[in-house]
Protein backbone atom coordinates (compact mmCIF):
# COMPACT_ATOMS: atom_id res chain seq x y z
CA MET A 1 -12.03 17.88 -13.70
CA ILE A 2 -9.94 18.42 -10.63
CA THR A 3 -7.72 16.00 -8.84
CA VAL A 4 -6.86 15.82 -5.35
CA THR A 5 -3.84 13.89 -3.93
CA VAL A 6 -3.25 12.69 -0.64
CA LYS A 7 0.22 11.43 0.38
CA HIS A 8 1.70 9.44 3.51
CA HIS A 9 4.73 7.03 3.98
CA MET A 10 5.35 4.13 5.83
CA SER A 11 8.28 1.62 6.75
CA ALA A 12 7.64 -2.07 6.35
CA GLY A 13 9.38 -5.31 5.90
CA HIS A 14 8.68 -7.94 3.57
CA ARG A 15 10.15 -10.71 1.31
CA ILE A 16 9.40 -11.90 -2.10
CA LEU A 17 9.99 -15.48 -2.91
CA GLY A 18 10.06 -16.92 -6.37
CA LEU A 19 11.98 -14.06 -8.42
CA ASP A 20 14.95 -15.23 -10.48
CA GLY A 21 17.99 -13.38 -11.37
CA PRO A 22 19.13 -10.31 -9.54
CA GLY A 23 15.56 -10.20 -7.98
CA SER A 24 16.36 -13.38 -6.33
CA LYS A 25 17.99 -11.52 -3.38
CA CYS A 26 14.41 -10.13 -2.51
CA ALA A 27 13.83 -13.73 -0.98
CA ASN A 28 15.79 -12.21 1.94
CA LEU A 29 13.76 -10.30 4.62
CA HIS A 30 14.35 -6.73 4.19
CA GLY A 31 12.43 -3.48 4.33
CA HIS A 32 11.82 -0.28 2.76
CA THR A 33 10.45 3.35 3.20
CA PHE A 34 7.32 3.22 0.86
CA GLY A 35 5.79 6.60 -0.27
CA ILE A 36 1.87 6.30 -1.09
CA GLU A 37 -0.14 8.55 -2.94
CA TRP A 38 -3.75 8.57 -3.49
CA THR A 39 -5.23 10.60 -6.38
CA PHE A 40 -9.19 11.44 -6.39
CA ARG A 41 -11.21 12.77 -9.01
CA THR A 42 -13.59 15.70 -8.34
CA ASP A 43 -16.07 17.58 -10.73
CA SER A 44 -14.72 20.81 -10.93
CA THR A 45 -18.04 22.49 -10.22
CA ASP A 46 -17.98 20.70 -6.85
CA VAL A 47 -15.04 22.74 -4.91
CA GLY A 48 -14.34 21.03 -1.65
CA ALA A 49 -15.97 17.90 -2.60
CA ILE A 50 -13.15 15.85 -0.64
CA GLU A 51 -12.32 17.13 2.68
CA PHE A 52 -9.01 16.57 3.04
CA ALA A 53 -8.74 16.52 6.72
CA ALA A 54 -11.13 13.53 6.92
CA VAL A 55 -9.70 11.67 4.21
CA LYS A 56 -5.98 12.16 5.13
CA ALA A 57 -6.93 11.00 8.71
CA THR A 58 -9.12 7.77 7.55
CA LEU A 59 -6.24 6.78 5.11
CA ARG A 60 -3.20 7.32 6.93
CA GLY A 61 -4.91 6.03 10.25
CA TRP A 62 -5.38 2.78 8.20
CA ILE A 63 -1.95 2.53 6.92
CA ASP A 64 -0.42 3.15 10.47
CA GLU A 65 -2.68 0.60 12.03
CA HIS A 66 -2.29 -1.94 9.59
CA MET A 67 1.24 -1.81 7.63
CA ASP A 68 3.51 0.60 8.94
CA HIS A 69 6.52 -0.66 10.91
CA GLY A 70 5.10 -4.29 10.16
CA TYR A 71 5.74 -7.17 7.68
CA LEU A 72 3.60 -7.39 4.57
CA VAL A 73 3.50 -11.29 4.13
CA ASP A 74 2.21 -13.52 1.28
CA ILE A 75 -0.54 -15.40 3.03
CA GLY A 76 1.08 -18.58 1.08
CA ASP A 77 4.30 -17.73 2.65
CA VAL A 78 3.63 -20.28 5.44
CA VAL A 79 7.16 -20.38 7.42
CA LEU A 80 7.10 -16.42 7.63
CA ARG A 81 3.56 -15.98 8.29
CA ASP A 82 3.49 -18.70 11.11
CA PHE A 83 6.56 -17.44 12.69
CA LEU A 84 5.19 -13.65 12.68
CA VAL A 85 1.74 -14.62 14.09
CA ALA A 86 3.69 -17.09 16.81
CA GLN A 87 5.63 -14.18 17.90
CA ASP A 88 2.82 -11.83 18.09
CA LEU A 89 4.51 -9.31 15.60
CA LYS A 90 2.70 -7.01 13.49
CA CYS A 91 2.19 -8.24 9.98
CA PHE A 92 -0.20 -7.74 7.20
CA MET A 93 -1.45 -10.71 5.13
CA VAL A 94 -1.30 -10.16 1.21
CA SER A 95 -2.89 -12.69 -1.41
CA GLY A 96 0.41 -13.06 -3.24
CA PRO A 97 3.91 -12.03 -2.94
CA PRO A 98 3.89 -8.37 -1.54
CA THR A 99 5.47 -6.59 -4.44
CA THR A 100 5.20 -2.95 -4.90
CA GLU A 101 2.49 -3.55 -7.52
CA ARG A 102 0.61 -5.87 -5.40
CA ILE A 103 1.01 -3.09 -2.40
CA ALA A 104 -0.46 -0.49 -4.33
CA ALA A 105 -3.46 -2.83 -5.75
CA THR A 106 -4.02 -3.83 -2.04
CA ILE A 107 -4.16 -0.30 -0.81
CA ALA A 108 -6.37 0.77 -3.57
CA HIS A 109 -9.09 -1.82 -2.91
CA ALA A 110 -8.78 -1.02 0.78
CA THR A 111 -9.11 2.60 -0.01
CA GLY A 112 -12.53 1.90 -1.71
CA ARG A 113 -13.85 0.27 1.52
CA LEU A 114 -12.76 3.32 3.60
CA VAL A 115 -13.66 6.41 1.64
CA ALA A 116 -16.54 7.34 -0.53
CA ALA A 117 -14.74 9.32 -3.12
CA ASN A 118 -13.59 8.60 -6.76
CA LEU A 119 -10.25 6.97 -6.61
CA ILE A 120 -8.60 7.17 -9.53
CA ARG A 121 -4.81 6.04 -8.86
CA VAL A 122 -2.48 4.93 -6.03
CA THR A 123 1.25 5.19 -6.62
CA VAL A 124 3.62 3.31 -4.21
CA THR A 125 7.25 4.32 -4.34
CA GLU A 126 9.86 1.87 -2.82
CA GLY A 127 12.67 3.73 -1.74
CA PRO A 128 13.54 7.16 -3.76
CA HIS A 129 13.80 4.92 -7.05
CA ASN A 130 11.09 2.79 -7.96
CA ALA A 131 7.20 2.91 -8.07
CA ALA A 132 4.31 0.89 -8.93
CA THR A 133 1.09 2.63 -9.72
CA TRP A 134 -2.71 0.95 -9.59
CA GLU A 135 -5.27 3.02 -11.74
CA ALA A 136 -8.89 2.73 -11.74
CA GLU A 137 -10.55 1.02 -14.63
CA GLN A 138 -11.68 3.56 -17.13
């Protein structure tokens, strides 16, 4: 088996409502530079099965169009959602709080619709210290 990894980054704002303790500060609007890594599995006998240029262009283009320099918003966060829409600001709706874990899963599900390749992992870093990884079911 050979794995192939494509990397990108984006800057986006979000807020996470409902966290207790130190995480409660995340209810405030704030942003991060997020790193994104997609890892695909290929058959070792099929060298070149994933054409980097096409996959990079598709995945990076989708991130740039939908998430980069926008707000990641819980569809249930009615106040923020309605404000962003009314102001015609770039926002991407997420089904639930836009945590790093949920962002990784959301990107993984979108990737499945965008490229015909064997996606095994999506890792999203939030700044330089924290990361969440979505992994395909075995």
